[in-house]
C-alpha atoms as a PDB file:
ATOM      1  CA  MET A   1      58.728  50.800 -33.711  1.00  0.00           C
ATOM      2  CA  LYS A   2      56.472  48.122 -32.890  1.00  0.00           C
ATOM      3  CA  MET A   3      57.950  46.138 -29.406  1.00  0.00           C
ATOM      4  CA  LYS A   4      57.918  42.434 -29.390  1.00  0.00           C
ATOM      5  CA  LYS A   5      55.715  40.309 -26.828  1.00  0.00           C
ATOM      6  CA  TYR A   6      57.214  38.206 -24.908  1.00  0.00           C
ATOM      7  CA  GLN A   7      54.915  35.580 -23.126  1.00  0.00           C
ATOM      8  CA  ILE A   8      56.542  34.048 -19.606  1.00  0.00           C
ATOM      9  CA  SER A   9      55.409  31.684 -17.317  1.00  0.00           C
ATOM     10  CA  CYS A  10      56.242  31.834 -13.522  1.00  0.00           C
ATOM     11  CA  PRO A  11      58.588  29.081 -12.657  1.00  0.00           C
ATOM     12  CA  TYR A  12      56.767  28.787  -9.093  1.00  0.00           C
ATOM     13  CA  CYS A  13      53.130  28.699  -9.772  1.00  0.00           C
ATOM     14  CA  GLY A  14      52.748  28.649 -13.785  1.00  0.00           C
ATOM     15  CA  SER A  15      51.053  32.100 -14.051  1.00  0.00           C
ATOM     16  CA  PRO A  16      51.597  34.450 -16.960  1.00  0.00           C
ATOM     17  CA  ALA A  17      54.183  37.170 -15.849  1.00  0.00           C
ATOM     18  CA  LEU A  18      52.856  40.877 -16.892  1.00  0.00           C
ATOM     19  CA  CYS A  19      55.419  43.932 -18.271  1.00  0.00           C
ATOM     20  CA  ARG A  20      54.097  46.168 -16.071  1.00  0.00           C
ATOM     21  CA  PRO A  21      56.020  49.553 -14.159  1.00  0.00           C
ATOM     22  CA  ALA A  22      58.222  48.876 -11.873  1.00  0.00           C
ATOM     23  CA  SER A  23      56.626  51.495  -9.668  1.00  0.00           C
ATOM     24  CA  MET A  24      53.810  48.522  -9.487  1.00  0.00           C
ATOM     25  CA  VAL A  25      56.183  46.851  -6.886  1.00  0.00           C
ATOM     26  CA  HIS A  26      59.164  49.202  -5.788  1.00  0.00           C
ATOM     27  CA  GLY A  27      56.298  52.041  -5.151  1.00  0.00           C
ATOM     28  CA  SER A  28      57.107  55.534  -7.120  1.00  0.00           C
ATOM     29  CA  SER A  29      60.466  56.061  -6.705  1.00  0.00           C
ATOM     30  CA  THR A  30      62.286  57.983  -8.394  1.00  0.00           C
ATOM     31  CA  LEU A  31      64.826  55.317  -9.346  1.00  0.00           C
ATOM     32  CA  GLU A  32      62.593  53.317 -11.053  1.00  0.00           C
ATOM     33  CA  LYS A  33      60.990  56.117 -13.124  1.00  0.00           C
ATOM     34  CA  GLY A  34      60.891  54.658 -17.083  1.00  0.00           C
ATOM     35  CA  ARG A  35      62.068  51.025 -15.440  1.00  0.00           C
ATOM     36  CA  TYR A  36      59.630  48.047 -16.227  1.00  0.00           C
ATOM     37  CA  LEU A  37      59.609  44.618 -14.699  1.00  0.00           C
ATOM     38  CA  TYR A  38      58.049  41.227 -16.285  1.00  0.00           C
ATOM     39  CA  VAL A  39      56.345  40.583 -13.147  1.00  0.00           C
ATOM     40  CA  CYS A  40      53.634  37.415 -11.838  1.00  0.00           C
ATOM     41  CA  SER A  41      49.976  38.036 -12.727  1.00  0.00           C
ATOM     42  CA  ARG A  42      49.598  36.321  -8.859  1.00  0.00           C
ATOM     43  CA  TRP A  43      51.844  39.336  -7.555  1.00  0.00           C
ATOM     44  CA  PRO A  44      52.122  40.002  -4.424  1.00  0.00           C
ATOM     45  CA  GLU A  45      50.955  36.235  -3.362  1.00  0.00           C
ATOM     46  CA  CYS A  46      53.323  35.075  -6.002  1.00  0.00           C
ATOM     47  CA  ASP A  47      56.409  37.722  -5.663  1.00  0.00           C
ATOM     48  CA  ALA A  48      58.014  36.597  -8.819  1.00  0.00           C
ATOM     49  CA  TYR A  49      59.483  39.223 -10.961  1.00  0.00           C
ATOM     50  CA  VAL A  50      62.687  40.148 -13.497  1.00  0.00           C
ATOM     51  CA  ALA A  51      63.759  43.559 -14.569  1.00  0.00           C
ATOM     52  CA  ALA A  52      62.949  44.428 -18.423  1.00  0.00           C
ATOM     53  CA  HIS A  53      65.866  45.976 -20.479  1.00  0.00           C
ATOM     54  CA  LYS A  54      65.331  49.757 -20.933  1.00  0.00           C
ATOM     55  CA  LYS A  55      65.520  49.641 -24.808  1.00  0.00           C
ATOM     56  CA  ASP A  56      62.998  47.139 -25.709  1.00  0.00           C
ATOM     57  CA  LYS A  57      61.742  45.999 -22.530  1.00  0.00           C
ATOM     58  CA  SER A  58      62.827  42.342 -22.919  1.00  0.00           C
ATOM     59  CA  PRO A  59      63.122  40.317 -19.909  1.00  0.00           C
ATOM     60  CA  MET A  60      67.111  40.891 -18.215  1.00  0.00           C
ATOM     61  CA  GLY A  61      66.798  36.836 -17.122  1.00  0.00           C
ATOM     62  CA  THR A  62      64.442  34.551 -15.580  1.00  0.00           C
ATOM     63  CA  LEU A  63      61.575  35.513 -12.877  1.00  0.00           C
ATOM     64  CA  ALA A  64      63.014  35.201  -9.098  1.00  0.00           C
ATOM     65  CA  ASN A  65      61.242  34.731  -5.741  1.00  0.00           C
ATOM     66  CA  GLY A  66      62.715  37.039  -2.886  1.00  0.00           C
ATOM     67  CA  ASN A  67      65.431  34.547  -2.370  1.00  0.00           C
ATOM     68  CA  LEU A  68      66.978  34.027  -5.405  1.00  0.00           C
ATOM     69  CA  ARG A  69      67.029  37.929  -6.593  1.00  0.00           C
ATOM     70  CA  HIS A  70      69.123  38.512  -3.491  1.00  0.00           C
ATOM     71  CA  LYS A  71      71.488  35.276  -4.566  1.00  0.00           C
ATOM     72  CA  ARG A  72      71.205  37.437  -8.033  1.00  0.00           C
ATOM     73  CA  ILE A  73      72.461  40.581  -6.306  1.00  0.00           C
ATOM     74  CA  LEU A  74      75.171  39.324  -4.420  1.00  0.00           C
ATOM     75  CA  ALA A  75      76.716  37.224  -7.394  1.00  0.00           C
ATOM     76  CA  HIS A  76      76.339  40.808  -9.359  1.00  0.00           C
ATOM     77  CA  HIS A  77      78.405  42.359  -6.683  1.00  0.00           C
ATOM     78  CA  ALA A  78      81.102  39.488  -6.057  1.00  0.00           C
ATOM     79  CA  LEU A  79      81.883  39.530  -9.786  1.00  0.00           C
ATOM     80  CA  LYS A  80      82.034  43.316  -9.994  1.00  0.00           C
ATOM     81  CA  GLU A  81      84.374  43.450  -6.892  1.00  0.00           C
ATOM     82  CA  LEU A  82      86.510  40.599  -8.754  1.00  0.00           C
ATOM     83  CA  GLN A  83      86.496  42.629 -12.197  1.00  0.00           C
ATOM     84  CA  ASN A  84      87.159  45.741  -9.711  1.00  0.00           C
ATOM     85  CA  SER A  85      89.886  44.061  -8.495  1.00  0.00           C
ATOM     86  CA  ARG A  86      92.127  43.082 -11.147  1.00  0.00           C
ATOM     87  CA  HIS A  87      90.622  45.851 -13.237  1.00  0.00           C
ATOM     88  CA  MET A  88      89.442  44.130 -15.897  1.00  0.00           C
ATOM     89  CA  GLU A  89      86.511  45.578 -18.218  1.00  0.00           C
ATOM     90  CA  LYS A  90      83.200  44.384 -17.613  1.00  0.00           C
ATOM     91  CA  TRP A  91      83.435  41.533 -20.801  1.00  0.00           C
ATOM     92  CA  ALA A  92      86.610  40.395 -19.544  1.00  0.00           C
ATOM     93  CA  ALA A  93      85.178  39.259 -16.075  1.00  0.00           C
ATOM     94  CA  TYR A  94      82.317  37.126 -17.711  1.00  0.00           C
ATOM     95  CA  LEU A  95      84.936  35.726 -20.293  1.00  0.00           C
ATOM     96  CA  TRP A  96      86.678  34.542 -17.091  1.00  0.00           C
ATOM     97  CA  LEU A  97      83.285  33.159 -15.797  1.00  0.00           C
ATOM     98  CA  GLN A  98      82.708  31.568 -18.704  1.00  0.00           C
ATOM     99  CA  GLY A  99      85.671  29.241 -18.585  1.00  0.00           C
ATOM    100  CA  LYS A 100      85.160  28.831 -14.605  1.00  0.00           C
ATOM    101  CA  LEU A 101      82.089  27.722 -15.553  1.00  0.00           C
ATOM    102  CA  GLY A 102      81.898  25.575 -18.483  1.00  0.00           C
ATOM    103  CA  LEU A 103      79.257  27.712 -20.277  1.00  0.00           C
ATOM    104  CA  ASN A 104      78.885  29.820 -23.653  1.00  0.00           C
ATOM    105  CA  GLU A 105      77.956  33.463 -24.117  1.00  0.00           C
ATOM    106  CA  GLY A 106      74.599  32.932 -23.896  1.00  0.00           C
ATOM    107  CA  GLN A 107      74.358  30.735 -20.856  1.00  0.00           C
ATOM    108  CA  THR A 108      76.486  32.994 -18.730  1.00  0.00           C
ATOM    109  CA  HIS A 109      73.948  35.764 -17.476  1.00  0.00           C
ATOM    110  CA  ILE A 110      73.443  35.802 -14.042  1.00  0.00           C
ATOM    111  CA  GLY A 111      69.662  36.998 -14.513  1.00  0.00           C
ATOM    112  CA  LEU A 112      69.347  33.130 -15.789  1.00  0.00           C
ATOM    113  CA  PHE A 113      70.978  31.515 -12.894  1.00  0.00           C
ATOM    114  CA  SER A 114      69.638  29.119  -9.657  1.00  0.00           C
ATOM    115  CA  GLU A 115      70.715  30.034  -6.231  1.00  0.00           C
ATOM    116  CA  GLN A 116      73.091  27.139  -6.261  1.00  0.00           C
ATOM    117  CA  MET A 117      75.131  28.494  -9.385  1.00  0.00           C
ATOM    118  CA  CYS A 118      75.204  32.236  -8.024  1.00  0.00           C
ATOM    119  CA  ASP A 119      76.604  29.977  -5.069  1.00  0.00           C
ATOM    120  CA  ARG A 120      79.135  28.619  -7.171  1.00  0.00           C
ATOM    121  CA  VAL A 121      79.976  32.415  -8.419  1.00  0.00           C
ATOM    122  CA  ILE A 122      80.381  34.131  -5.546  1.00  0.00           C
ATOM    123  CA  PHE A 123      82.328  31.028  -4.298  1.00  0.00           C
ATOM    124  CA  LEU A 124      84.553  31.389  -7.732  1.00  0.00           C
ATOM    125  CA  CYS A 125      85.180  34.996  -7.370  1.00  0.00           C
ATOM    126  CA  ARG A 126      86.077  34.828  -3.506  1.00  0.00           C
ATOM    127  CA  GLN A 127      88.299  31.851  -4.254  1.00  0.00           C
ATOM    128  CA  THR A 128      90.179  33.903  -6.637  1.00  0.00           C
ATOM    129  CA  MET A 129      90.321  37.027  -4.868  1.00  0.00           C
ATOM    130  CA  GLU A 130      91.928  35.335  -1.798  1.00  0.00           C
ATOM    131  CA  SER A 131      94.217  32.996  -3.880  1.00  0.00           C
ATOM    132  CA  TYR A 132      95.785  35.376  -5.750  1.00  0.00           C
ATOM    133  CA  PRO A 133      95.860  38.251  -3.872  1.00  0.00           C
ATOM    134  CA  GLN A 134      96.586  41.597  -5.876  1.00  0.00           C
ATOM    135  CA  MET A 135      99.915  43.043  -6.632  1.00  0.00           C
ATOM    136  CA  THR A 136     100.862  46.375  -5.687  1.00  0.00           C
ATOM    137  CA  ALA A 137     103.093  48.824  -7.386  1.00  0.00           C
END
């Protein structure tokens, strides 16, 4: 099976992104074996990158610098915390998020979100958990 080539440009400097083993950025960590990233060709001067799906090496979102990657991690954690506290399946948590943000399924991927959208996800998740405490049995 031939892998599709993805032509991605860095949103920060406009340089092309290249699909490279994650070890290029993270070192030879055993957690990263077989993982790939789309890395700005100006790395490390430009530190933008995004993970690639294991199955087909398609990008998991848009390239992000350190600040945006950190916000996306926090947004994923907030949504996961809401999901766990409400005993929701992952799909249900994303359906809830779609409704809260007024987005469709194709738009509701944290890997596509800006820092501001990540802040909104974090706020909505926390607000919901604080406003509607979990009932205990």
